[in-house]
All heavy atoms as atom14 arrays in JSON, in Angstrom:
{
  "sequence": "FKAIRQAKSSIHLEYFNFRNDSIASLLFDILREKRKEGVEVRAMFDG",
  "atom14_mask": [
    [1, 1, 1, 1, 1, 1, 1, 1, 1, 1, 1, 0, 0, 0],
    [1, 1, 1, 1, 1, 1, 1, 1, 1, 0, 0, 0, 0, 0],
    [1, 1, 1, 1, 1, 0, 0, 0, 0, 0, 0, 0, 0, 0],
    [1, 1, 1, 1, 1, 1, 1, 1, 0, 0, 0, 0, 0, 0],
    [1, 1, 1, 1, 1, 1, 1, 1, 1, 1, 1, 0, 0, 0],
    [1, 1, 1, 1, 1, 1, 1, 1, 1, 0, 0, 0, 0, 0],
    [1, 1, 1, 1, 1, 0, 0, 0, 0, 0, 0, 0, 0, 0],
    [1, 1, 1, 1, 1, 1, 1, 1, 1, 0, 0, 0, 0, 0],
    [1, 1, 1, 1, 1, 1, 0, 0, 0, 0, 0, 0, 0, 0],
    [1, 1, 1, 1, 1, 1, 0, 0, 0, 0, 0, 0, 0, 0],
    [1, 1, 1, 1, 1, 1, 1, 1, 0, 0, 0, 0, 0, 0],
    [1, 1, 1, 1, 1, 1, 1, 1, 1, 1, 0, 0, 0, 0],
    [1, 1, 1, 1, 1, 1, 1, 1, 0, 0, 0, 0, 0, 0],
    [1, 1, 1, 1, 1, 1, 1, 1, 1, 0, 0, 0, 0, 0],
    [1, 1, 1, 1, 1, 1, 1, 1, 1, 1, 1, 1, 0, 0],
    [1, 1, 1, 1, 1, 1, 1, 1, 1, 1, 1, 0, 0, 0],
    [1, 1, 1, 1, 1, 1, 1, 1, 0, 0, 0, 0, 0, 0],
    [1, 1, 1, 1, 1, 1, 1, 1, 1, 1, 1, 0, 0, 0],
    [1, 1, 1, 1, 1, 1, 1, 1, 1, 1, 1, 0, 0, 0],
    [1, 1, 1, 1, 1, 1, 1, 1, 0, 0, 0, 0, 0, 0],
    [1, 1, 1, 1, 1, 1, 1, 1, 0, 0, 0, 0, 0, 0],
    [1, 1, 1, 1, 1, 1, 0, 0, 0, 0, 0, 0, 0, 0],
    [1, 1, 1, 1, 1, 1, 1, 1, 0, 0, 0, 0, 0, 0],
    [1, 1, 1, 1, 1, 0, 0, 0, 0, 0, 0, 0, 0, 0],
    [1, 1, 1, 1, 1, 1, 0, 0, 0, 0, 0, 0, 0, 0],
    [1, 1, 1, 1, 1, 1, 1, 1, 0, 0, 0, 0, 0, 0],
    [1, 1, 1, 1, 1, 1, 1, 1, 0, 0, 0, 0, 0, 0],
    [1, 1, 1, 1, 1, 1, 1, 1, 1, 1, 1, 0, 0, 0],
    [1, 1, 1, 1, 1, 1, 1, 1, 0, 0, 0, 0, 0, 0],
    [1, 1, 1, 1, 1, 1, 1, 1, 0, 0, 0, 0, 0, 0],
    [1, 1, 1, 1, 1, 1, 1, 1, 0, 0, 0, 0, 0, 0],
    [1, 1, 1, 1, 1, 1, 1, 1, 1, 1, 1, 0, 0, 0],
    [1, 1, 1, 1, 1, 1, 1, 1, 1, 0, 0, 0, 0, 0],
    [1, 1, 1, 1, 1, 1, 1, 1, 1, 0, 0, 0, 0, 0],
    [1, 1, 1, 1, 1, 1, 1, 1, 1, 1, 1, 0, 0, 0],
    [1, 1, 1, 1, 1, 1, 1, 1, 1, 0, 0, 0, 0, 0],
    [1, 1, 1, 1, 1, 1, 1, 1, 1, 0, 0, 0, 0, 0],
    [1, 1, 1, 1, 0, 0, 0, 0, 0, 0, 0, 0, 0, 0],
    [1, 1, 1, 1, 1, 1, 1, 0, 0, 0, 0, 0, 0, 0],
    [1, 1, 1, 1, 1, 1, 1, 1, 1, 0, 0, 0, 0, 0],
    [1, 1, 1, 1, 1, 1, 1, 0, 0, 0, 0, 0, 0, 0],
    [1, 1, 1, 1, 1, 1, 1, 1, 1, 1, 1, 0, 0, 0],
    [1, 1, 1, 1, 1, 0, 0, 0, 0, 0, 0, 0, 0, 0],
    [1, 1, 1, 1, 1, 1, 1, 1, 0, 0, 0, 0, 0, 0],
    [1, 1, 1, 1, 1, 1, 1, 1, 1, 1, 1, 0, 0, 0],
    [1, 1, 1, 1, 1, 1, 1, 1, 0, 0, 0, 0, 0, 0],
    [1, 1, 1, 1, 0, 0, 0, 0, 0, 0, 0, 0, 0, 0]
  ],
  "atom14_positions": [
    [[108.71, 103.32, 110.87], [108.52, 103.37, 109.36], [109.97, 103.82, 108.84], [110.36, 103.31, 107.77], [107.59, 104.28, 108.93], [106.1, 103.79, 109.29], [105.0, 104.55, 108.98], [105.9, 102.47, 109.66], [103.75, 104.16, 109.24], [104.58, 102.07, 109.93], [103.51, 102.78, 109.63], [0.0, 0.0, 0.0], [0.0, 0.0, 0.0], [0.0, 0.0, 0.0]],
    [[110.56, 104.67, 109.61], [111.93, 105.07, 109.09], [112.91, 104.0, 109.2], [113.78, 103.81, 108.15], [112.44, 106.33, 110.01], [113.7, 106.96, 109.48], [114.06, 108.14, 110.35], [113.07, 109.34, 110.35], [113.49, 110.39, 111.13], [0.0, 0.0, 0.0], [0.0, 0.0, 0.0], [0.0, 0.0, 0.0], [0.0, 0.0, 0.0], [0.0, 0.0, 0.0]],
    [[112.86, 103.09, 110.2], [113.7, 102.04, 110.24], [113.36, 100.96, 109.19], [114.31, 100.35, 108.61], [113.6, 101.31, 111.57], [0.0, 0.0, 0.0], [0.0, 0.0, 0.0], [0.0, 0.0, 0.0], [0.0, 0.0, 0.0], [0.0, 0.0, 0.0], [0.0, 0.0, 0.0], [0.0, 0.0, 0.0], [0.0, 0.0, 0.0], [0.0, 0.0, 0.0]],
    [[112.13, 100.61, 108.94], [111.66, 99.68, 107.94], [112.26, 100.18, 106.63], [112.7, 99.29, 105.7], [110.16, 99.54, 108.0], [109.83, 98.75, 109.15], [109.67, 98.76, 106.77], [108.21, 98.67, 109.41], [0.0, 0.0, 0.0], [0.0, 0.0, 0.0], [0.0, 0.0, 0.0], [0.0, 0.0, 0.0], [0.0, 0.0, 0.0], [0.0, 0.0, 0.0]],
    [[112.04, 101.45, 106.22], [112.54, 101.89, 105.0], [114.06, 101.59, 104.69], [114.59, 101.63, 103.63], [112.3, 103.42, 104.95], [110.85, 103.77, 104.62], [110.67, 105.33, 104.44], [109.24, 105.54, 103.83], [108.32, 106.12, 104.71], [108.7, 106.33, 105.97], [107.1, 106.28, 104.21], [0.0, 0.0, 0.0], [0.0, 0.0, 0.0], [0.0, 0.0, 0.0]],
    [[114.85, 101.59, 105.84], [116.26, 101.16, 105.7], [116.64, 99.76, 105.79], [117.89, 99.42, 105.71], [117.05, 101.89, 106.8], [116.88, 103.4, 106.83], [117.52, 104.23, 107.91], [118.72, 104.17, 108.04], [116.74, 104.93, 108.81], [0.0, 0.0, 0.0], [0.0, 0.0, 0.0], [0.0, 0.0, 0.0], [0.0, 0.0, 0.0], [0.0, 0.0, 0.0]],
    [[115.71, 98.78, 105.82], [115.87, 97.36, 105.97], [116.67, 96.91, 104.76], [116.34, 97.41, 103.6], [114.61, 96.66, 106.2], [0.0, 0.0, 0.0], [0.0, 0.0, 0.0], [0.0, 0.0, 0.0], [0.0, 0.0, 0.0], [0.0, 0.0, 0.0], [0.0, 0.0, 0.0], [0.0, 0.0, 0.0], [0.0, 0.0, 0.0], [0.0, 0.0, 0.0]],
    [[117.6, 95.93, 104.88], [118.43, 95.37, 103.76], [118.01, 93.89, 103.56], [118.31, 93.5, 102.47], [119.97, 95.56, 104.06], [120.31, 97.06, 104.2], [120.39, 97.78, 102.84], [121.04, 99.05, 102.96], [120.34, 100.11, 103.79], [0.0, 0.0, 0.0], [0.0, 0.0, 0.0], [0.0, 0.0, 0.0], [0.0, 0.0, 0.0], [0.0, 0.0, 0.0]],
    [[117.59, 93.29, 104.62], [117.49, 91.8, 104.66], [116.02, 91.33, 104.93], [115.4, 90.43, 104.06], [118.58, 91.18, 105.4], [118.38, 89.69, 105.41], [0.0, 0.0, 0.0], [0.0, 0.0, 0.0], [0.0, 0.0, 0.0], [0.0, 0.0, 0.0], [0.0, 0.0, 0.0], [0.0, 0.0, 0.0], [0.0, 0.0, 0.0], [0.0, 0.0, 0.0]],
    [[115.54, 91.67, 106.07], [114.3, 90.95, 106.56], [113.62, 91.95, 107.43], [114.08, 92.71, 108.1], [114.59, 89.66, 107.24], [115.41, 89.91, 108.42], [0.0, 0.0, 0.0], [0.0, 0.0, 0.0], [0.0, 0.0, 0.0], [0.0, 0.0, 0.0], [0.0, 0.0, 0.0], [0.0, 0.0, 0.0], [0.0, 0.0, 0.0], [0.0, 0.0, 0.0]],
    [[112.24, 91.79, 107.35], [111.34, 92.5, 108.13], [110.16, 91.53, 108.64], [109.47, 90.88, 107.87], [110.6, 93.63, 107.41], [111.55, 94.69, 106.71], [109.69, 94.49, 108.28], [111.03, 95.59, 105.73], [0.0, 0.0, 0.0], [0.0, 0.0, 0.0], [0.0, 0.0, 0.0], [0.0, 0.0, 0.0], [0.0, 0.0, 0.0], [0.0, 0.0, 0.0]],
    [[110.19, 91.47, 110.01], [109.32, 90.43, 110.72], [108.28, 91.22, 111.62], [108.67, 92.02, 112.36], [110.01, 89.41, 111.33], [110.87, 88.43, 110.57], [111.94, 87.84, 111.01], [110.73, 88.24, 109.19], [112.41, 87.14, 110.13], [111.71, 87.31, 108.96], [0.0, 0.0, 0.0], [0.0, 0.0, 0.0], [0.0, 0.0, 0.0], [0.0, 0.0, 0.0]],
    [[106.97, 91.01, 111.38], [106.0, 91.56, 112.15], [104.96, 90.79, 112.76], [104.56, 89.9, 112.11], [105.27, 92.81, 111.21], [106.02, 93.68, 110.52], [106.15, 93.31, 109.0], [105.47, 95.02, 110.45], [0.0, 0.0, 0.0], [0.0, 0.0, 0.0], [0.0, 0.0, 0.0], [0.0, 0.0, 0.0], [0.0, 0.0, 0.0], [0.0, 0.0, 0.0]],
    [[104.74, 90.79, 114.05], [103.72, 90.06, 114.8], [102.94, 90.9, 115.58], [103.38, 91.63, 116.49], [104.5, 88.96, 115.62], [103.61, 88.01, 116.39], [104.33, 87.11, 117.28], [105.59, 87.0, 117.25], [103.71, 86.39, 118.09], [0.0, 0.0, 0.0], [0.0, 0.0, 0.0], [0.0, 0.0, 0.0], [0.0, 0.0, 0.0], [0.0, 0.0, 0.0]],
    [[101.61, 91.04, 115.26], [100.72, 91.9, 115.93], [99.32, 91.11, 116.19], [98.94, 90.19, 115.45], [100.37, 93.15, 115.0], [101.36, 94.14, 115.13], [102.25, 94.46, 114.04], [101.49, 95.08, 116.17], [103.34, 95.4, 114.24], [102.42, 96.04, 116.25], [103.25, 96.27, 115.31], [104.16, 97.32, 115.35], [0.0, 0.0, 0.0], [0.0, 0.0, 0.0]],
    [[98.63, 91.63, 117.16], [97.29, 91.14, 117.5], [96.47, 91.36, 116.27], [95.57, 90.7, 115.83], [96.81, 91.74, 118.82], [95.45, 91.17, 119.27], [95.37, 89.79, 119.55], [94.32, 91.93, 119.57], [94.1, 89.37, 120.05], [93.31, 91.52, 120.22], [93.2, 90.16, 120.27], [0.0, 0.0, 0.0], [0.0, 0.0, 0.0], [0.0, 0.0, 0.0]],
    [[96.5, 92.76, 115.83], [95.78, 93.13, 114.6], [96.4, 94.13, 113.92], [97.15, 94.96, 114.34], [94.31, 93.44, 114.96], [94.06, 94.49, 115.92], [94.69, 95.58, 115.76], [93.32, 94.32, 117.01], [0.0, 0.0, 0.0], [0.0, 0.0, 0.0], [0.0, 0.0, 0.0], [0.0, 0.0, 0.0], [0.0, 0.0, 0.0], [0.0, 0.0, 0.0]],
    [[96.11, 94.25, 112.56], [96.49, 95.41, 111.71], [95.07, 96.01, 111.3], [94.3, 95.43, 110.51], [97.19, 94.97, 110.31], [98.55, 94.32, 110.64], [98.66, 92.98, 110.8], [99.7, 95.12, 110.51], [100.01, 92.45, 110.91], [100.86, 94.52, 110.56], [101.05, 93.19, 110.86], [0.0, 0.0, 0.0], [0.0, 0.0, 0.0], [0.0, 0.0, 0.0]],
    [[94.75, 97.04, 111.77], [93.47, 97.7, 111.56], [93.54, 98.18, 110.11], [94.35, 98.81, 109.63], [93.1, 98.96, 112.49], [91.8, 99.38, 112.47], [91.66, 100.36, 113.54], [90.22, 100.85, 113.78], [89.89, 102.16, 113.23], [90.82, 102.84, 112.7], [88.62, 102.45, 113.41], [0.0, 0.0, 0.0], [0.0, 0.0, 0.0], [0.0, 0.0, 0.0]],
    [[92.49, 98.04, 109.38], [92.39, 98.52, 107.85], [92.16, 99.9, 107.85], [90.95, 100.44, 107.68], [91.36, 97.66, 107.19], [91.2, 98.06, 105.8], [92.2, 98.5, 105.24], [89.9, 98.17, 105.24], [0.0, 0.0, 0.0], [0.0, 0.0, 0.0], [0.0, 0.0, 0.0], [0.0, 0.0, 0.0], [0.0, 0.0, 0.0], [0.0, 0.0, 0.0]],
    [[93.31, 100.79, 108.03], [93.06, 102.11, 108.01], [94.28, 102.93, 107.4], [95.13, 102.19, 106.84], [92.76, 102.78, 109.5], [94.01, 102.42, 110.56], [95.18, 102.25, 109.95], [93.65, 102.48, 111.55], [0.0, 0.0, 0.0], [0.0, 0.0, 0.0], [0.0, 0.0, 0.0], [0.0, 0.0, 0.0], [0.0, 0.0, 0.0], [0.0, 0.0, 0.0]],
    [[94.51, 104.12, 107.55], [95.53, 104.88, 106.92], [96.96, 104.43, 107.33], [97.88, 104.41, 106.49], [95.36, 106.32, 107.16], [95.42, 106.68, 108.64], [0.0, 0.0, 0.0], [0.0, 0.0, 0.0], [0.0, 0.0, 0.0], [0.0, 0.0, 0.0], [0.0, 0.0, 0.0], [0.0, 0.0, 0.0], [0.0, 0.0, 0.0], [0.0, 0.0, 0.0]],
    [[97.15, 104.25, 108.6], [98.39, 103.78, 109.05], [98.92, 102.35, 108.59], [100.04, 102.19, 108.12], [98.48, 103.69, 110.67], [98.56, 105.26, 111.1], [99.61, 102.94, 111.24], [99.91, 105.8, 110.94], [0.0, 0.0, 0.0], [0.0, 0.0, 0.0], [0.0, 0.0, 0.0], [0.0, 0.0, 0.0], [0.0, 0.0, 0.0], [0.0, 0.0, 0.0]],
    [[97.91, 101.38, 108.62], [98.28, 100.04, 107.86], [98.51, 100.19, 106.48], [99.25, 99.54, 105.98], [96.99, 99.13, 108.27], [0.0, 0.0, 0.0], [0.0, 0.0, 0.0], [0.0, 0.0, 0.0], [0.0, 0.0, 0.0], [0.0, 0.0, 0.0], [0.0, 0.0, 0.0], [0.0, 0.0, 0.0], [0.0, 0.0, 0.0], [0.0, 0.0, 0.0]],
    [[97.66, 101.07, 105.79], [97.91, 101.12, 104.42], [99.31, 101.73, 104.04], [99.92, 101.28, 103.18], [96.8, 102.13, 103.83], [95.55, 101.6, 103.95], [0.0, 0.0, 0.0], [0.0, 0.0, 0.0], [0.0, 0.0, 0.0], [0.0, 0.0, 0.0], [0.0, 0.0, 0.0], [0.0, 0.0, 0.0], [0.0, 0.0, 0.0], [0.0, 0.0, 0.0]],
    [[99.75, 102.75, 104.92], [101.07, 103.3, 104.66], [102.09, 102.24, 104.91], [102.98, 102.15, 104.11], [101.3, 104.48, 105.54], [102.61, 105.16, 105.64], [103.0, 105.6, 104.24], [102.7, 106.21, 106.48], [0.0, 0.0, 0.0], [0.0, 0.0, 0.0], [0.0, 0.0, 0.0], [0.0, 0.0, 0.0], [0.0, 0.0, 0.0], [0.0, 0.0, 0.0]],
    [[101.91, 101.47, 106.12], [102.89, 100.43, 106.43], [103.0, 99.41, 105.3], [104.08, 99.0, 104.88], [102.43, 99.64, 107.65], [103.16, 98.38, 108.04], [104.59, 98.64, 108.26], [102.56, 97.62, 109.2], [0.0, 0.0, 0.0], [0.0, 0.0, 0.0], [0.0, 0.0, 0.0], [0.0, 0.0, 0.0], [0.0, 0.0, 0.0], [0.0, 0.0, 0.0]],
    [[101.86, 98.97, 104.72], [101.84, 97.96, 103.52], [102.44, 98.6, 102.31], [103.14, 97.79, 101.61], [100.43, 97.39, 103.33], [99.88, 96.54, 104.48], [98.5, 96.58, 104.85], [100.63, 95.84, 105.15], [98.0, 95.98, 105.81], [100.09, 94.99, 106.25], [98.84, 95.15, 106.58], [0.0, 0.0, 0.0], [0.0, 0.0, 0.0], [0.0, 0.0, 0.0]],
    [[102.27, 99.75, 102.08], [102.94, 100.45, 100.91], [104.41, 100.42, 101.05], [105.18, 100.19, 100.01], [102.38, 101.84, 100.64], [101.01, 101.87, 100.23], [100.58, 100.87, 99.61], [100.4, 103.07, 100.28], [0.0, 0.0, 0.0], [0.0, 0.0, 0.0], [0.0, 0.0, 0.0], [0.0, 0.0, 0.0], [0.0, 0.0, 0.0], [0.0, 0.0, 0.0]],
    [[105.0, 100.7, 102.21], [106.41, 100.67, 102.6], [106.96, 99.26, 102.31], [107.95, 98.94, 101.72], [106.64, 101.19, 103.97], [106.3, 102.61, 104.11], [108.15, 101.04, 104.27], [106.32, 103.21, 105.52], [0.0, 0.0, 0.0], [0.0, 0.0, 0.0], [0.0, 0.0, 0.0], [0.0, 0.0, 0.0], [0.0, 0.0, 0.0], [0.0, 0.0, 0.0]],
    [[106.07, 98.3, 102.84], [106.51, 96.8, 102.71], [106.56, 96.37, 101.3], [107.39, 95.59, 100.82], [105.6, 95.94, 103.6], [105.64, 96.17, 105.16], [104.62, 95.22, 105.69], [107.12, 95.93, 105.65], [0.0, 0.0, 0.0], [0.0, 0.0, 0.0], [0.0, 0.0, 0.0], [0.0, 0.0, 0.0], [0.0, 0.0, 0.0], [0.0, 0.0, 0.0]],
    [[105.63, 96.9, 100.61], [105.65, 96.49, 99.11], [106.95, 97.07, 98.55], [107.6, 96.3, 97.6], [104.35, 97.16, 98.24], [103.16, 96.44, 98.72], [102.01, 97.08, 97.88], [100.73, 96.39, 98.0], [99.75, 96.71, 98.81], [99.87, 97.72, 99.61], [98.72, 96.04, 98.93], [0.0, 0.0, 0.0], [0.0, 0.0, 0.0], [0.0, 0.0, 0.0]],
    [[107.38, 98.22, 98.78], [108.59, 98.78, 98.25], [109.79, 97.95, 98.61], [110.74, 97.81, 97.81], [108.74, 100.34, 98.72], [107.73, 101.15, 98.03], [107.81, 101.23, 96.52], [109.01, 101.36, 95.92], [106.77, 101.11, 95.9], [0.0, 0.0, 0.0], [0.0, 0.0, 0.0], [0.0, 0.0, 0.0], [0.0, 0.0, 0.0], [0.0, 0.0, 0.0]],
    [[109.8, 97.54, 99.84], [110.93, 96.83, 100.33], [111.03, 95.37, 99.59], [112.12, 94.88, 99.39], [110.87, 96.64, 101.83], [110.89, 97.76, 102.71], [111.98, 98.78, 102.21], [113.39, 98.31, 102.44], [114.42, 99.23, 102.18], [0.0, 0.0, 0.0], [0.0, 0.0, 0.0], [0.0, 0.0, 0.0], [0.0, 0.0, 0.0], [0.0, 0.0, 0.0]],
    [[109.86, 94.83, 99.37], [109.8, 93.57, 98.53], [110.41, 93.69, 97.1], [111.21, 92.9, 96.66], [108.42, 93.04, 98.43], [107.89, 92.27, 99.75], [108.8, 91.03, 100.02], [108.74, 90.03, 99.03], [109.71, 89.39, 98.47], [111.0, 89.65, 98.91], [109.73, 88.43, 97.74], [0.0, 0.0, 0.0], [0.0, 0.0, 0.0], [0.0, 0.0, 0.0]],
    [[110.22, 94.87, 96.58], [110.78, 95.13, 95.29], [112.22, 95.25, 95.31], [112.86, 94.89, 94.36], [110.13, 96.49, 94.65], [108.56, 96.33, 94.4], [108.07, 97.7, 93.72], [106.65, 97.73, 93.57], [106.12, 99.06, 93.18], [0.0, 0.0, 0.0], [0.0, 0.0, 0.0], [0.0, 0.0, 0.0], [0.0, 0.0, 0.0], [0.0, 0.0, 0.0]],
    [[112.71, 95.61, 96.57], [114.17, 95.66, 96.72], [114.73, 94.35, 97.02], [115.98, 94.18, 97.29], [114.48, 96.74, 97.84], [114.13, 98.16, 97.41], [114.26, 99.12, 98.54], [114.91, 98.68, 99.56], [113.65, 100.26, 98.53], [0.0, 0.0, 0.0], [0.0, 0.0, 0.0], [0.0, 0.0, 0.0], [0.0, 0.0, 0.0], [0.0, 0.0, 0.0]],
    [[113.99, 93.44, 97.3], [114.46, 91.99, 97.62], [114.42, 91.66, 99.13], [114.96, 90.61, 99.52], [0.0, 0.0, 0.0], [0.0, 0.0, 0.0], [0.0, 0.0, 0.0], [0.0, 0.0, 0.0], [0.0, 0.0, 0.0], [0.0, 0.0, 0.0], [0.0, 0.0, 0.0], [0.0, 0.0, 0.0], [0.0, 0.0, 0.0], [0.0, 0.0, 0.0]],
    [[113.92, 92.56, 99.97], [113.8, 92.35, 101.33], [112.8, 91.29, 101.65], [111.7, 91.45, 101.1], [113.71, 93.55, 102.12], [113.48, 93.42, 103.64], [114.8, 94.57, 101.8], [0.0, 0.0, 0.0], [0.0, 0.0, 0.0], [0.0, 0.0, 0.0], [0.0, 0.0, 0.0], [0.0, 0.0, 0.0], [0.0, 0.0, 0.0], [0.0, 0.0, 0.0]],
    [[113.11, 90.38, 102.48], [112.09, 89.35, 102.9], [111.05, 90.03, 103.97], [111.5, 90.72, 104.8], [112.72, 88.27, 103.66], [113.66, 87.35, 102.72], [114.41, 86.36, 103.6], [114.03, 86.04, 104.56], [115.43, 85.94, 102.97], [0.0, 0.0, 0.0], [0.0, 0.0, 0.0], [0.0, 0.0, 0.0], [0.0, 0.0, 0.0], [0.0, 0.0, 0.0]],
    [[109.84, 89.85, 103.7], [108.8, 90.41, 104.58], [107.86, 89.34, 105.02], [107.22, 88.58, 104.31], [107.99, 91.48, 103.91], [106.78, 91.99, 104.74], [108.93, 92.62, 103.4], [0.0, 0.0, 0.0], [0.0, 0.0, 0.0], [0.0, 0.0, 0.0], [0.0, 0.0, 0.0], [0.0, 0.0, 0.0], [0.0, 0.0, 0.0], [0.0, 0.0, 0.0]],
    [[107.76, 89.07, 106.33], [106.82, 88.2, 106.95], [106.11, 89.02, 107.96], [106.47, 89.52, 108.78], [107.54, 87.06, 107.64], [108.49, 86.26, 106.65], [109.28, 85.19, 107.27], [109.96, 84.39, 106.3], [111.27, 84.77, 105.96], [111.91, 85.81, 106.6], [111.83, 84.06, 105.02], [0.0, 0.0, 0.0], [0.0, 0.0, 0.0], [0.0, 0.0, 0.0]],
    [[104.72, 88.74, 107.91], [103.75, 89.45, 108.89], [102.7, 88.35, 109.31], [102.17, 87.51, 108.61], [103.06, 90.58, 108.22], [0.0, 0.0, 0.0], [0.0, 0.0, 0.0], [0.0, 0.0, 0.0], [0.0, 0.0, 0.0], [0.0, 0.0, 0.0], [0.0, 0.0, 0.0], [0.0, 0.0, 0.0], [0.0, 0.0, 0.0], [0.0, 0.0, 0.0]],
    [[102.4, 88.44, 110.63], [101.46, 87.58, 111.27], [100.49, 88.49, 112.05], [100.82, 89.43, 112.74], [102.1, 86.54, 111.98], [101.1, 85.62, 112.73], [101.92, 84.31, 113.8], [102.69, 83.4, 112.48], [0.0, 0.0, 0.0], [0.0, 0.0, 0.0], [0.0, 0.0, 0.0], [0.0, 0.0, 0.0], [0.0, 0.0, 0.0], [0.0, 0.0, 0.0]],
    [[99.26, 88.13, 111.98], [98.19, 88.8, 112.92], [97.32, 87.61, 113.48], [97.29, 86.56, 113.01], [97.34, 89.81, 112.16], [96.55, 89.24, 110.98], [95.23, 88.79, 111.17], [97.1, 89.09, 109.82], [94.44, 88.21, 110.22], [96.4, 88.44, 108.77], [94.9, 88.09, 108.97], [0.0, 0.0, 0.0], [0.0, 0.0, 0.0], [0.0, 0.0, 0.0]],
    [[96.63, 87.97, 114.56], [95.78, 87.01, 115.23], [94.46, 86.99, 114.58], [93.67, 88.1, 114.36], [95.67, 87.25, 116.72], [94.93, 86.34, 117.49], [95.46, 85.29, 117.67], [93.69, 86.58, 117.73], [0.0, 0.0, 0.0], [0.0, 0.0, 0.0], [0.0, 0.0, 0.0], [0.0, 0.0, 0.0], [0.0, 0.0, 0.0], [0.0, 0.0, 0.0]],
    [[93.78, 85.86, 114.45], [92.42, 85.79, 113.88], [91.4, 86.28, 114.66], [90.59, 87.1, 114.23], [0.0, 0.0, 0.0], [0.0, 0.0, 0.0], [0.0, 0.0, 0.0], [0.0, 0.0, 0.0], [0.0, 0.0, 0.0], [0.0, 0.0, 0.0], [0.0, 0.0, 0.0], [0.0, 0.0, 0.0], [0.0, 0.0, 0.0], [0.0, 0.0, 0.0]]
  ]
}
């Protein structure tokens, strides 16, 4: 999370799953802030 907060250009995430809980919520909040800064965010999870 500390590294993601310092991203300047792109953040790419590939996971088997993002569990809908407090950690995922915090991650998505950080990603929302990075999008506001113009950082590209791409995330993929398995069905």
